[in-house]
Amino acid sequence: MAFELGKTIEDPRGKMFVFRMGEAEINVIEIKRGFSRGGHFHSTDTSLHVFAGKVEYREEDPSGKGPERVEVFSAPCRIDVPANMAHMMTAVEDSVMVEVVEGEYDATNYPKYRDVVEAGLRK
């Protein structure tokens, strides 16, 4: 099975490399200290693998059920993100992660978190 580079994105937060392998999308993500990524939710379960650094992870049900989850994760670790759960990662230290999405990638912005991500890009 081939591992194909789809695109590369670079902005003030760092770089992101988007790969496809079979039915999975695999994103290699760099987050510079103080910046956030995410601010959305997916229709499928995803997993985040922190390989370097430390991130503050926030997760909340967009329907308003249950409390917000806030936790700091240090590398190496895995964060499982349930389908339809809004999430955002903020780098406490320069960090590198891999996101694995089974099937077709989709993302629906969650304004509470996405506004934080966008504000960071305007710094």
PDB file of N, CA and C in Angstrom:
ATOM      1  N   MET A   1       0.842  -1.173   0.000  1.00  0.00           N
ATOM      2  CA  MET A   1       0.000   0.000   0.000  1.00  0.00           C
ATOM      3  C   MET A   1       0.895   1.246   0.000  1.00  0.00           C
ATOM      4  N   ALA A   2       0.647   2.168  -0.913  1.00  0.00           N
ATOM      5  CA  ALA A   2       1.485   3.358  -1.064  1.00  0.00           C
ATOM      6  C   ALA A   2       1.137   4.424  -0.025  1.00  0.00           C
ATOM      7  N   PHE A   3       2.144   5.158   0.373  1.00  0.00           N
ATOM      8  CA  PHE A   3       2.045   6.278   1.303  1.00  0.00           C
ATOM      9  C   PHE A   3       2.237   7.517   0.448  1.00  0.00           C
ATOM     10  N   GLU A   4       1.181   8.292   0.158  1.00  0.00           N
ATOM     11  CA  GLU A   4       1.234   9.378  -0.804  1.00  0.00           C
ATOM     12  C   GLU A   4       1.101  10.736  -0.125  1.00  0.00           C
ATOM     13  N   LEU A   5       2.023  11.656  -0.440  1.00  0.00           N
ATOM     14  CA  LEU A   5       1.940  13.023   0.068  1.00  0.00           C
ATOM     15  C   LEU A   5       0.896  13.768  -0.743  1.00  0.00           C
ATOM     16  N   GLY A   6      -0.107  14.311  -0.036  1.00  0.00           N
ATOM     17  CA  GLY A   6      -1.158  15.059  -0.705  1.00  0.00           C
ATOM     18  C   GLY A   6      -0.817  16.529  -0.834  1.00  0.00           C
ATOM     19  N   LYS A   7      -0.513  17.172   0.294  1.00  0.00           N
ATOM     20  CA  LYS A   7      -0.166  18.590   0.256  1.00  0.00           C
ATOM     21  C   LYS A   7       0.623  18.952   1.504  1.00  0.00           C
ATOM     22  N   THR A   8       1.270  20.100   1.433  1.00  0.00           N
ATOM     23  CA  THR A   8       2.018  20.652   2.554  1.00  0.00           C
ATOM     24  C   THR A   8       1.471  22.046   2.820  1.00  0.00           C
ATOM     25  N   ILE A   9       1.227  22.355   4.091  1.00  0.00           N
ATOM     26  CA  ILE A   9       0.692  23.650   4.492  1.00  0.00           C
ATOM     27  C   ILE A   9       1.662  24.257   5.490  1.00  0.00           C
ATOM     28  N   GLU A  10       1.958  25.543   5.337  1.00  0.00           N
ATOM     29  CA  GLU A  10       2.813  26.230   6.301  1.00  0.00           C
ATOM     30  C   GLU A  10       2.208  27.585   6.632  1.00  0.00           C
ATOM     31  N   ASP A  11       2.132  27.880   7.931  1.00  0.00           N
ATOM     32  CA  ASP A  11       1.649  29.171   8.404  1.00  0.00           C
ATOM     33  C   ASP A  11       2.363  29.472   9.720  1.00  0.00           C
ATOM     34  N   PRO A  12       2.024  30.545  10.408  1.00  0.00           N
ATOM     35  CA  PRO A  12       2.757  30.887  11.638  1.00  0.00           C
ATOM     36  C   PRO A  12       2.743  29.798  12.715  1.00  0.00           C
ATOM     37  N   ARG A  13       1.757  28.906  12.679  1.00  0.00           N
ATOM     38  CA  ARG A  13       1.678  27.822  13.673  1.00  0.00           C
ATOM     39  C   ARG A  13       2.721  26.757  13.448  1.00  0.00           C
ATOM     40  N   GLY A  14       3.221  26.625  12.200  1.00  0.00           N
ATOM     41  CA  GLY A  14       4.165  25.577  11.849  1.00  0.00           C
ATOM     42  C   GLY A  14       3.751  24.931  10.546  1.00  0.00           C
ATOM     43  N   LYS A  15       4.247  23.733  10.301  1.00  0.00           N
ATOM     44  CA  LYS A  15       3.977  23.016   9.056  1.00  0.00           C
ATOM     45  C   LYS A  15       3.018  21.862   9.295  1.00  0.00           C
ATOM     46  N   MET A  16       2.353  21.466   8.210  1.00  0.00           N
ATOM     47  CA  MET A  16       1.496  20.288   8.249  1.00  0.00           C
ATOM     48  C   MET A  16       1.666  19.562   6.911  1.00  0.00           C
ATOM     49  N   PHE A  17       1.912  18.266   7.002  1.00  0.00           N
ATOM     50  CA  PHE A  17       2.057  17.413   5.830  1.00  0.00           C
ATOM     51  C   PHE A  17       0.874  16.457   5.815  1.00  0.00           C
ATOM     52  N   VAL A  18       0.128  16.435   4.721  1.00  0.00           N
ATOM     53  CA  VAL A  18      -1.066  15.611   4.599  1.00  0.00           C
ATOM     54  C   VAL A  18      -0.746  14.419   3.700  1.00  0.00           C
ATOM     55  N   PHE A  19      -0.883  13.223   4.254  1.00  0.00           N
ATOM     56  CA  PHE A  19      -0.614  11.977   3.526  1.00  0.00           C
ATOM     57  C   PHE A  19      -1.889  11.157   3.421  1.00  0.00           C
ATOM     58  N   ARG A  20      -1.954  10.310   2.408  1.00  0.00           N
ATOM     59  CA  ARG A  20      -2.999   9.290   2.284  1.00  0.00           C
ATOM     60  C   ARG A  20      -2.310   7.943   2.240  1.00  0.00           C
ATOM     61  N   MET A  21      -2.916   6.980   2.905  1.00  0.00           N
ATOM     62  CA  MET A  21      -2.452   5.605   2.821  1.00  0.00           C
ATOM     63  C   MET A  21      -3.697   4.736   2.841  1.00  0.00           C
ATOM     64  N   GLY A  22      -4.051   4.235   1.681  1.00  0.00           N
ATOM     65  CA  GLY A  22      -5.289   3.472   1.583  1.00  0.00           C
ATOM     66  C   GLY A  22      -6.472   4.375   1.893  1.00  0.00           C
ATOM     67  N   GLU A  23      -7.284   3.956   2.841  1.00  0.00           N
ATOM     68  CA  GLU A  23      -8.468   4.722   3.225  1.00  0.00           C
ATOM     69  C   GLU A  23      -8.188   5.756   4.310  1.00  0.00           C
ATOM     70  N   ALA A  24      -6.977   5.798   4.834  1.00  0.00           N
ATOM     71  CA  ALA A  24      -6.657   6.690   5.950  1.00  0.00           C
ATOM     72  C   ALA A  24      -5.958   7.964   5.482  1.00  0.00           C
ATOM     73  N   GLU A  25      -6.267   9.057   6.177  1.00  0.00           N
ATOM     74  CA  GLU A  25      -5.494  10.286   6.006  1.00  0.00           C
ATOM     75  C   GLU A  25      -4.614  10.414   7.235  1.00  0.00           C
ATOM     76  N   ILE A  26      -3.349  10.687   7.000  1.00  0.00           N
ATOM     77  CA  ILE A  26      -2.367  10.795   8.084  1.00  0.00           C
ATOM     78  C   ILE A  26      -1.726  12.166   7.974  1.00  0.00           C
ATOM     79  N   ASN A  27      -1.914  12.983   9.003  1.00  0.00           N
ATOM     80  CA  ASN A  27      -1.411  14.346   8.998  1.00  0.00           C
ATOM     81  C   ASN A  27      -0.268  14.486   9.999  1.00  0.00           C
ATOM     82  N   VAL A  28       0.892  14.899   9.520  1.00  0.00           N
ATOM     83  CA  VAL A  28       2.020  15.185  10.395  1.00  0.00           C
ATOM     84  C   VAL A  28       1.947  16.683  10.674  1.00  0.00           C
ATOM     85  N   ILE A  29       1.820  17.045  11.943  1.00  0.00           N
ATOM     86  CA  ILE A  29       1.494  18.411  12.338  1.00  0.00           C
ATOM     87  C   ILE A  29       2.541  18.970  13.292  1.00  0.00           C
ATOM     88  N   GLU A  30       3.047  20.135  12.965  1.00  0.00           N
ATOM     89  CA  GLU A  30       3.936  20.876  13.860  1.00  0.00           C
ATOM     90  C   GLU A  30       3.120  22.027  14.446  1.00  0.00           C
ATOM     91  N   ILE A  31       3.226  22.214  15.764  1.00  0.00           N
ATOM     92  CA  ILE A  31       2.588  23.351  16.419  1.00  0.00           C
ATOM     93  C   ILE A  31       3.649  24.072  17.237  1.00  0.00           C
ATOM     94  N   LYS A  32       3.873  25.332  16.906  1.00  0.00           N
ATOM     95  CA  LYS A  32       4.834  26.133  17.654  1.00  0.00           C
ATOM     96  C   LYS A  32       4.207  26.589  18.973  1.00  0.00           C
ATOM     97  N   ARG A  33       5.047  26.721  19.986  1.00  0.00           N
ATOM     98  CA  ARG A  33       4.591  27.085  21.340  1.00  0.00           C
ATOM     99  C   ARG A  33       3.665  28.308  21.290  1.00  0.00           C
ATOM    100  N   GLY A  34       2.536  28.172  21.984  1.00  0.00           N
ATOM    101  CA  GLY A  34       1.577  29.262  22.087  1.00  0.00           C
ATOM    102  C   GLY A  34       0.502  29.270  21.017  1.00  0.00           C
ATOM    103  N   PHE A  35       0.664  28.475  19.967  1.00  0.00           N
ATOM    104  CA  PHE A  35      -0.331  28.425  18.895  1.00  0.00           C
ATOM    105  C   PHE A  35      -1.272  27.247  19.098  1.00  0.00           C
ATOM    106  N   SER A  36      -2.450  27.350  18.476  1.00  0.00           N
ATOM    107  CA  SER A  36      -3.463  26.297  18.572  1.00  0.00           C
ATOM    108  C   SER A  36      -3.804  25.758  17.195  1.00  0.00           C
ATOM    109  N   ARG A  37      -4.231  24.512  17.169  1.00  0.00           N
ATOM    110  CA  ARG A  37      -4.730  23.860  15.954  1.00  0.00           C
ATOM    111  C   ARG A  37      -6.028  23.154  16.301  1.00  0.00           C
ATOM    112  N   GLY A  38      -6.780  22.848  15.273  1.00  0.00           N
ATOM    113  CA  GLY A  38      -8.063  22.170  15.475  1.00  0.00           C
ATOM    114  C   GLY A  38      -9.181  23.201  15.505  1.00  0.00           C
ATOM    115  N   GLY A  39      -9.995  23.134  16.543  1.00  0.00           N
ATOM    116  CA  GLY A  39     -11.136  24.038  16.640  1.00  0.00           C
ATOM    117  C   GLY A  39     -12.313  23.554  15.811  1.00  0.00           C
ATOM    118  N   HIS A  40     -12.425  22.237  15.698  1.00  0.00           N
ATOM    119  CA  HIS A  40     -13.458  21.628  14.868  1.00  0.00           C
ATOM    120  C   HIS A  40     -13.793  20.238  15.404  1.00  0.00           C
ATOM    121  N   PHE A  41     -14.699  19.559  14.689  1.00  0.00           N
ATOM    122  CA  PHE A  41     -14.969  18.151  14.994  1.00  0.00           C
ATOM    123  C   PHE A  41     -15.118  17.399  13.687  1.00  0.00           C
ATOM    124  N   HIS A  42     -14.910  16.071  13.760  1.00  0.00           N
ATOM    125  CA  HIS A  42     -14.968  15.184  12.603  1.00  0.00           C
ATOM    126  C   HIS A  42     -16.144  14.222  12.762  1.00  0.00           C
ATOM    127  N   SER A  43     -16.623  13.686  11.651  1.00  0.00           N
ATOM    128  CA  SER A  43     -17.731  12.724  11.708  1.00  0.00           C
ATOM    129  C   SER A  43     -17.261  11.306  12.052  1.00  0.00           C
ATOM    130  N   THR A  44     -15.940  11.101  12.104  1.00  0.00           N
ATOM    131  CA  THR A  44     -15.386   9.795  12.462  1.00  0.00           C
ATOM    132  C   THR A  44     -14.428   9.942  13.639  1.00  0.00           C
ATOM    133  N   ASP A  45     -14.171   8.832  14.303  1.00  0.00           N
ATOM    134  CA  ASP A  45     -13.156   8.827  15.360  1.00  0.00           C
ATOM    135  C   ASP A  45     -11.802   9.163  14.748  1.00  0.00           C
ATOM    136  N   THR A  46     -10.971   9.867  15.506  1.00  0.00           N
ATOM    137  CA  THR A  46      -9.603  10.146  15.083  1.00  0.00           C
ATOM    138  C   THR A  46      -8.674   9.878  16.248  1.00  0.00           C
ATOM    139  N   SER A  47      -7.383   9.803  15.950  1.00  0.00           N
ATOM    140  CA  SER A  47      -6.403   9.676  17.027  1.00  0.00           C
ATOM    141  C   SER A  47      -5.275  10.654  16.773  1.00  0.00           C
ATOM    142  N   LEU A  48      -4.767  11.212  17.857  1.00  0.00           N
ATOM    143  CA  LEU A  48      -3.648  12.147  17.822  1.00  0.00           C
ATOM    144  C   LEU A  48      -2.493  11.503  18.567  1.00  0.00           C
ATOM    145  N   HIS A  49      -1.337  11.484  17.933  1.00  0.00           N
ATOM    146  CA  HIS A  49      -0.152  10.886  18.534  1.00  0.00           C
ATOM    147  C   HIS A  49       0.873  11.999  18.721  1.00  0.00           C
ATOM    148  N   VAL A  50       1.155  12.347  19.962  1.00  0.00           N
ATOM    149  CA  VAL A  50       2.112  13.412  20.253  1.00  0.00           C
ATOM    150  C   VAL A  50       3.492  12.764  20.338  1.00  0.00           C
ATOM    151  N   PHE A  51       4.374  13.128  19.418  1.00  0.00           N
ATOM    152  CA  PHE A  51       5.712  12.539  19.348  1.00  0.00           C
ATOM    153  C   PHE A  51       6.777  13.402  20.003  1.00  0.00           C
ATOM    154  N   ALA A  52       6.533  14.712  20.078  1.00  0.00           N
ATOM    155  CA  ALA A  52       7.499  15.624  20.702  1.00  0.00           C
ATOM    156  C   ALA A  52       6.738  16.787  21.295  1.00  0.00           C
ATOM    157  N   GLY A  53       7.184  17.249  22.463  1.00  0.00           N
ATOM    158  CA  GLY A  53       6.601  18.430  23.074  1.00  0.00           C
ATOM    159  C   GLY A  53       5.487  18.145  24.071  1.00  0.00           C
ATOM    160  N   LYS A  54       4.668  19.174  24.275  1.00  0.00           N
ATOM    161  CA  LYS A  54       3.588  19.121  25.266  1.00  0.00           C
ATOM    162  C   LYS A  54       2.440  19.985  24.740  1.00  0.00           C
ATOM    163  N   VAL A  55       1.215  19.450  24.799  1.00  0.00           N
ATOM    164  CA  VAL A  55       0.042  20.182  24.324  1.00  0.00           C
ATOM    165  C   VAL A  55      -1.057  20.202  25.377  1.00  0.00           C
ATOM    166  N   GLU A  56      -1.786  21.321  25.395  1.00  0.00           N
ATOM    167  CA  GLU A  56      -3.023  21.383  26.169  1.00  0.00           C
ATOM    168  C   GLU A  56      -4.137  20.972  25.215  1.00  0.00           C
ATOM    169  N   TYR A  57      -4.874  19.945  25.600  1.00  0.00           N
ATOM    170  CA  TYR A  57      -5.944  19.397  24.772  1.00  0.00           C
ATOM    171  C   TYR A  57      -7.278  19.800  25.374  1.00  0.00           C
ATOM    172  N   ARG A  58      -8.149  20.354  24.547  1.00  0.00           N
ATOM    173  CA  ARG A  58      -9.506  20.708  24.964  1.00  0.00           C
ATOM    174  C   ARG A  58     -10.488  19.939  24.103  1.00  0.00           C
ATOM    175  N   GLU A  59     -11.550  19.449  24.756  1.00  0.00           N
ATOM    176  CA  GLU A  59     -12.571  18.658  24.072  1.00  0.00           C
ATOM    177  C   GLU A  59     -13.918  19.010  24.666  1.00  0.00           C
ATOM    178  N   GLU A  60     -14.905  19.173  23.781  1.00  0.00           N
ATOM    179  CA  GLU A  60     -16.249  19.528  24.260  1.00  0.00           C
ATOM    180  C   GLU A  60     -17.286  19.015  23.279  1.00  0.00           C
ATOM    181  N   ASP A  61     -18.390  18.556  23.803  1.00  0.00           N
ATOM    182  CA  ASP A  61     -19.501  18.097  22.969  1.00  0.00           C
ATOM    183  C   ASP A  61     -20.224  19.331  22.428  1.00  0.00           C
ATOM    184  N   PRO A  62     -20.259  19.510  21.113  1.00  0.00           N
ATOM    185  CA  PRO A  62     -20.920  20.695  20.550  1.00  0.00           C
ATOM    186  C   PRO A  62     -22.401  20.809  20.908  1.00  0.00           C
ATOM    187  N   SER A  63     -23.029  19.709  21.299  1.00  0.00           N
ATOM    188  CA  SER A  63     -24.448  19.756  21.673  1.00  0.00           C
ATOM    189  C   SER A  63     -24.648  20.299  23.086  1.00  0.00           C
ATOM    190  N   GLY A  64     -23.539  20.527  23.799  1.00  0.00           N
ATOM    191  CA  GLY A  64     -23.642  21.091  25.152  1.00  0.00           C
ATOM    192  C   GLY A  64     -23.796  20.058  26.253  1.00  0.00           C
ATOM    193  N   LYS A  65     -23.731  18.779  25.905  1.00  0.00           N
ATOM    194  CA  LYS A  65     -23.849  17.719  26.912  1.00  0.00           C
ATOM    195  C   LYS A  65     -22.507  17.505  27.594  1.00  0.00           C
ATOM    196  N   GLY A  66     -22.481  17.522  28.894  1.00  0.00           N
ATOM    197  CA  GLY A  66     -21.268  17.217  29.644  1.00  0.00           C
ATOM    198  C   GLY A  66     -20.306  18.388  29.729  1.00  0.00           C
ATOM    199  N   PRO A  67     -19.348  18.267  30.640  1.00  0.00           N
ATOM    200  CA  PRO A  67     -18.374  19.346  30.841  1.00  0.00           C
ATOM    201  C   PRO A  67     -17.261  19.324  29.796  1.00  0.00           C
ATOM    202  N   GLU A  68     -16.570  20.435  29.673  1.00  0.00           N
ATOM    203  CA  GLU A  68     -15.403  20.518  28.806  1.00  0.00           C
ATOM    204  C   GLU A  68     -14.263  19.738  29.456  1.00  0.00           C
ATOM    205  N   ARG A  69     -13.528  19.017  28.646  1.00  0.00           N
ATOM    206  CA  ARG A  69     -12.343  18.287  29.114  1.00  0.00           C
ATOM    207  C   ARG A  69     -11.111  19.117  28.757  1.00  0.00           C
ATOM    208  N   VAL A  70     -10.261  19.375  29.751  1.00  0.00           N
ATOM    209  CA  VAL A  70      -9.005  20.091  29.528  1.00  0.00           C
ATOM    210  C   VAL A  70      -7.908  19.279  30.190  1.00  0.00           C
ATOM    211  N   GLU A  71      -6.899  18.894  29.399  1.00  0.00           N
ATOM    212  CA  GLU A  71      -5.825  18.059  29.914  1.00  0.00           C
ATOM    213  C   GLU A  71      -4.527  18.387  29.188  1.00  0.00           C
ATOM    214  N   VAL A  72      -3.416  18.330  29.904  1.00  0.00           N
ATOM    215  CA  VAL A  72      -2.109  18.552  29.297  1.00  0.00           C
ATOM    216  C   VAL A  72      -1.463  17.196  29.054  1.00  0.00           C
ATOM    217  N   PHE A  73      -0.986  16.992  27.828  1.00  0.00           N
ATOM    218  CA  PHE A  73      -0.347  15.747  27.435  1.00  0.00           C
ATOM    219  C   PHE A  73       1.089  16.017  27.018  1.00  0.00           C
ATOM    220  N   SER A  74       1.999  15.177  27.488  1.00  0.00           N
ATOM    221  CA  SER A  74       3.407  15.253  27.100  1.00  0.00           C
ATOM    222  C   SER A  74       3.755  14.048  26.241  1.00  0.00           C
ATOM    223  N   ALA A  75       4.671  14.261  25.299  1.00  0.00           N
ATOM    224  CA  ALA A  75       5.114  13.181  24.423  1.00  0.00           C
ATOM    225  C   ALA A  75       5.901  12.147  25.210  1.00  0.00           C
ATOM    226  N   PRO A  76       5.820  10.916  24.814  1.00  0.00           N
ATOM    227  CA  PRO A  76       4.976  10.357  23.779  1.00  0.00           C
ATOM    228  C   PRO A  76       3.618   9.956  24.344  1.00  0.00           C
ATOM    229  N   CYS A  77       2.571  10.190  23.593  1.00  0.00           N
ATOM    230  CA  CYS A  77       1.237   9.784  24.052  1.00  0.00           C
ATOM    231  C   CYS A  77       0.273   9.720  22.877  1.00  0.00           C
ATOM    232  N   ARG A  78      -0.884   9.140  23.135  1.00  0.00           N
ATOM    233  CA  ARG A  78      -1.958   9.032  22.146  1.00  0.00           C
ATOM    234  C   ARG A  78      -3.216   9.621  22.764  1.00  0.00           C
ATOM    235  N   ILE A  79      -3.921  10.429  21.973  1.00  0.00           N
ATOM    236  CA  ILE A  79      -5.190  11.018  22.402  1.00  0.00           C
ATOM    237  C   ILE A  79      -6.250  10.518  21.425  1.00  0.00           C
ATOM    238  N   ASP A  80      -7.242   9.809  21.936  1.00  0.00           N
ATOM    239  CA  ASP A  80      -8.334   9.331  21.093  1.00  0.00           C
ATOM    240  C   ASP A  80      -9.450  10.370  21.117  1.00  0.00           C
ATOM    241  N   VAL A  81      -9.884  10.790  19.934  1.00  0.00           N
ATOM    242  CA  VAL A  81     -10.911  11.818  19.794  1.00  0.00           C
ATOM    243  C   VAL A  81     -12.165  11.161  19.211  1.00  0.00           C
ATOM    244  N   PRO A  82     -13.236  11.098  19.999  1.00  0.00           N
ATOM    245  CA  PRO A  82     -14.462  10.480  19.489  1.00  0.00           C
ATOM    246  C   PRO A  82     -15.075  11.303  18.352  1.00  0.00           C
ATOM    247  N   ALA A  83     -15.806  10.626  17.482  1.00  0.00           N
ATOM    248  CA  ALA A  83     -16.529  11.306  16.407  1.00  0.00           C
ATOM    249  C   ALA A  83     -17.436  12.376  16.995  1.00  0.00           C
ATOM    250  N   ASN A  84     -17.568  13.475  16.275  1.00  0.00           N
ATOM    251  CA  ASN A  84     -18.467  14.573  16.632  1.00  0.00           C
ATOM    252  C   ASN A  84     -18.145  15.241  17.964  1.00  0.00           C
ATOM    253  N   MET A  85     -16.883  15.179  18.384  1.00  0.00           N
ATOM    254  CA  MET A  85     -16.436  15.841  19.610  1.00  0.00           C
ATOM    255  C   MET A  85     -15.484  16.966  19.213  1.00  0.00           C
ATOM    256  N   ALA A  86     -15.845  18.205  19.535  1.00  0.00           N
ATOM    257  CA  ALA A  86     -14.989  19.342  19.194  1.00  0.00           C
ATOM    258  C   ALA A  86     -13.689  19.240  19.983  1.00  0.00           C
ATOM    259  N   HIS A  87     -12.583  19.597  19.323  1.00  0.00           N
ATOM    260  CA  HIS A  87     -11.280  19.493  19.975  1.00  0.00           C
ATOM    261  C   HIS A  87     -10.334  20.579  19.469  1.00  0.00           C
ATOM    262  N   MET A  88      -9.384  20.917  20.325  1.00  0.00           N
ATOM    263  CA  MET A  88      -8.366  21.918  20.008  1.00  0.00           C
ATOM    264  C   MET A  88      -7.122  21.585  20.809  1.00  0.00           C
ATOM    265  N   MET A  89      -5.962  21.735  20.171  1.00  0.00           N
ATOM    266  CA  MET A  89      -4.686  21.514  20.832  1.00  0.00           C
ATOM    267  C   MET A  89      -3.907  22.820  20.820  1.00  0.00           C
ATOM    268  N   THR A  90      -3.371  23.200  21.982  1.00  0.00           N
ATOM    269  CA  THR A  90      -2.524  24.385  22.106  1.00  0.00           C
ATOM    270  C   THR A  90      -1.157  23.923  22.578  1.00  0.00           C
ATOM    271  N   ALA A  91      -0.116  24.334  21.873  1.00  0.00           N
ATOM    272  CA  ALA A  91       1.235  23.889  22.206  1.00  0.00           C
ATOM    273  C   ALA A  91       1.752  24.630  23.434  1.00  0.00           C
ATOM    274  N   VAL A  92       2.036  23.880  24.480  1.00  0.00           N
ATOM    275  CA  VAL A  92       2.689  24.407  25.683  1.00  0.00           C
ATOM    276  C   VAL A  92       4.185  24.538  25.393  1.00  0.00           C
ATOM    277  N   GLU A  93       4.685  23.616  24.590  1.00  0.00           N
ATOM    278  CA  GLU A  93       6.052  23.618  24.065  1.00  0.00           C
ATOM    279  C   GLU A  93       5.943  23.352  22.561  1.00  0.00           C
ATOM    280  N   ASP A  94       6.968  23.695  21.791  1.00  0.00           N
ATOM    281  CA  ASP A  94       6.978  23.300  20.384  1.00  0.00           C
ATOM    282  C   ASP A  94       6.677  21.808  20.330  1.00  0.00           C
ATOM    283  N   SER A  95       5.745  21.422  19.475  1.00  0.00           N
ATOM    284  CA  SER A  95       5.265  20.041  19.473  1.00  0.00           C
ATOM    285  C   SER A  95       5.126  19.491  18.059  1.00  0.00           C
ATOM    286  N   VAL A  96       5.212  18.160  17.958  1.00  0.00           N
ATOM    287  CA  VAL A  96       4.976  17.449  16.703  1.00  0.00           C
ATOM    288  C   VAL A  96       3.984  16.333  17.002  1.00  0.00           C
ATOM    289  N   MET A  97       2.944  16.256  16.162  1.00  0.00           N
ATOM    290  CA  MET A  97       1.895  15.258  16.339  1.00  0.00           C
ATOM    291  C   MET A  97       1.587  14.592  15.005  1.00  0.00           C
ATOM    292  N   VAL A  98       0.968  13.445  15.087  1.00  0.00           N
ATOM    293  CA  VAL A  98       0.426  12.778  13.911  1.00  0.00           C
ATOM    294  C   VAL A  98      -1.049  12.531  14.189  1.00  0.00           C
ATOM    295  N   GLU A  99      -1.891  12.962  13.244  1.00  0.00           N
ATOM    296  CA  GLU A  99      -3.336  12.739  13.341  1.00  0.00           C
ATOM    297  C   GLU A  99      -3.706  11.669  12.332  1.00  0.00           C
ATOM    298  N   VAL A 100      -4.461  10.671  12.775  1.00  0.00           N
ATOM    299  CA  VAL A 100      -4.904   9.597  11.890  1.00  0.00           C
ATOM    300  C   VAL A 100      -6.423   9.649  11.794  1.00  0.00           C
ATOM    301  N   VAL A 101      -6.902   9.801  10.557  1.00  0.00           N
ATOM    302  CA  VAL A 101      -8.334   9.853  10.283  1.00  0.00           C
ATOM    303  C   VAL A 101      -8.659   8.694   9.355  1.00  0.00           C
ATOM    304  N   GLU A 102      -9.491   7.786   9.811  1.00  0.00           N
ATOM    305  CA  GLU A 102      -9.908   6.660   8.964  1.00  0.00           C
ATOM    306  C   GLU A 102     -11.018   7.132   8.041  1.00  0.00           C
ATOM    307  N   GLY A 103     -10.866   6.898   6.762  1.00  0.00           N
ATOM    308  CA  GLY A 103     -11.880   7.315   5.799  1.00  0.00           C
ATOM    309  C   GLY A 103     -11.635   8.728   5.309  1.00  0.00           C
ATOM    310  N   GLU A 104     -12.658   9.323   4.736  1.00  0.00           N
ATOM    311  CA  GLU A 104     -12.565  10.660   4.156  1.00  0.00           C
ATOM    312  C   GLU A 104     -12.516  11.716   5.263  1.00  0.00           C
ATOM    313  N   TYR A 105     -11.557  12.626   5.158  1.00  0.00           N
ATOM    314  CA  TYR A 105     -11.388  13.699   6.138  1.00  0.00           C
ATOM    315  C   TYR A 105     -12.520  14.712   5.987  1.00  0.00           C
ATOM    316  N   ASP A 106     -13.126  15.072   7.097  1.00  0.00           N
ATOM    317  CA  ASP A 106     -14.078  16.174   7.118  1.00  0.00           C
ATOM    318  C   ASP A 106     -13.895  16.905   8.437  1.00  0.00           C
ATOM    319  N   ALA A 107     -14.216  18.173   8.449  1.00  0.00           N
ATOM    320  CA  ALA A 107     -14.098  18.964   9.676  1.00  0.00           C
ATOM    321  C   ALA A 107     -15.171  20.032   9.666  1.00  0.00           C
ATOM    322  N   THR A 108     -15.885  20.133  10.790  1.00  0.00           N
ATOM    323  CA  THR A 108     -16.892  21.178  10.983  1.00  0.00           C
ATOM    324  C   THR A 108     -16.378  22.086  12.086  1.00  0.00           C
ATOM    325  N   ASN A 109     -16.223  23.371  11.778  1.00  0.00           N
ATOM    326  CA  ASN A 109     -15.687  24.305  12.767  1.00  0.00           C
ATOM    327  C   ASN A 109     -16.608  24.428  13.975  1.00  0.00           C
ATOM    328  N   TYR A 110     -15.984  24.561  15.140  1.00  0.00           N
ATOM    329  CA  TYR A 110     -16.668  24.777  16.415  1.00  0.00           C
ATOM    330  C   TYR A 110     -16.234  26.167  16.886  1.00  0.00           C
ATOM    331  N   PRO A 111     -17.108  27.175  16.739  1.00  0.00           N
ATOM    332  CA  PRO A 111     -16.698  28.562  16.954  1.00  0.00           C
ATOM    333  C   PRO A 111     -15.967  28.847  18.266  1.00  0.00           C
ATOM    334  N   LYS A 112     -16.377  28.244  19.358  1.00  0.00           N
ATOM    335  CA  LYS A 112     -15.711  28.505  20.642  1.00  0.00           C
ATOM    336  C   LYS A 112     -14.216  28.221  20.552  1.00  0.00           C
ATOM    337  N   TYR A 113     -13.834  27.147  19.895  1.00  0.00           N
ATOM    338  CA  TYR A 113     -12.425  26.782  19.749  1.00  0.00           C
ATOM    339  C   TYR A 113     -11.803  27.412  18.498  1.00  0.00           C
ATOM    340  N   ARG A 114     -12.544  27.426  17.398  1.00  0.00           N
ATOM    341  CA  ARG A 114     -11.965  27.922  16.145  1.00  0.00           C
ATOM    342  C   ARG A 114     -11.590  29.399  16.247  1.00  0.00           C
ATOM    343  N   ASP A 115     -12.367  30.166  17.020  1.00  0.00           N
ATOM    344  CA  ASP A 115     -12.039  31.580  17.226  1.00  0.00           C
ATOM    345  C   ASP A 115     -10.677  31.737  17.883  1.00  0.00           C
ATOM    346  N   VAL A 116     -10.329  30.835  18.788  1.00  0.00           N
ATOM    347  CA  VAL A 116      -9.007  30.860  19.450  1.00  0.00           C
ATOM    348  C   VAL A 116      -7.913  30.573  18.418  1.00  0.00           C
ATOM    349  N   VAL A 117      -8.138  29.572  17.579  1.00  0.00           N
ATOM    350  CA  VAL A 117      -7.157  29.212  16.544  1.00  0.00           C
ATOM    351  C   VAL A 117      -6.935  30.405  15.608  1.00  0.00           C
ATOM    352  N   GLU A 118      -8.017  31.015  15.143  1.00  0.00           N
ATOM    353  CA  GLU A 118      -7.922  32.140  14.211  1.00  0.00           C
ATOM    354  C   GLU A 118      -7.276  33.365  14.861  1.00  0.00           C
ATOM    355  N   ALA A 119      -7.600  33.625  16.120  1.00  0.00           N
ATOM    356  CA  ALA A 119      -6.986  34.773  16.824  1.00  0.00           C
ATOM    357  C   ALA A 119      -5.470  34.601  16.915  1.00  0.00           C
ATOM    358  N   GLY A 120      -5.011  33.382  17.119  1.00  0.00           N
ATOM    359  CA  GLY A 120      -3.577  33.111  17.179  1.00  0.00           C
ATOM    360  C   GLY A 120      -2.872  33.400  15.871  1.00  0.00           C
ATOM    361  N   LEU A 121      -3.565  33.198  14.767  1.00  0.00           N
ATOM    362  CA  LEU A 121      -2.990  33.458  13.455  1.00  0.00           C
ATOM    363  C   LEU A 121      -2.882  34.951  13.165  1.00  0.00           C
ATOM    364  N   ARG A 122      -3.663  35.761  13.880  1.00  0.00           N
ATOM    365  CA  ARG A 122      -3.621  37.218  13.680  1.00  0.00           C
ATOM    366  C   ARG A 122      -2.618  37.917  14.588  1.00  0.00           C
ATOM    367  N   LYS A 123      -1.902  37.164  15.430  1.00  0.00           N
ATOM    368  CA  LYS A 123      -0.938  37.779  16.352  1.00  0.00           C
ATOM    369  C   LYS A 123       0.107  38.563  15.608  1.00  0.00           C
TER     370      LYS A 123
END
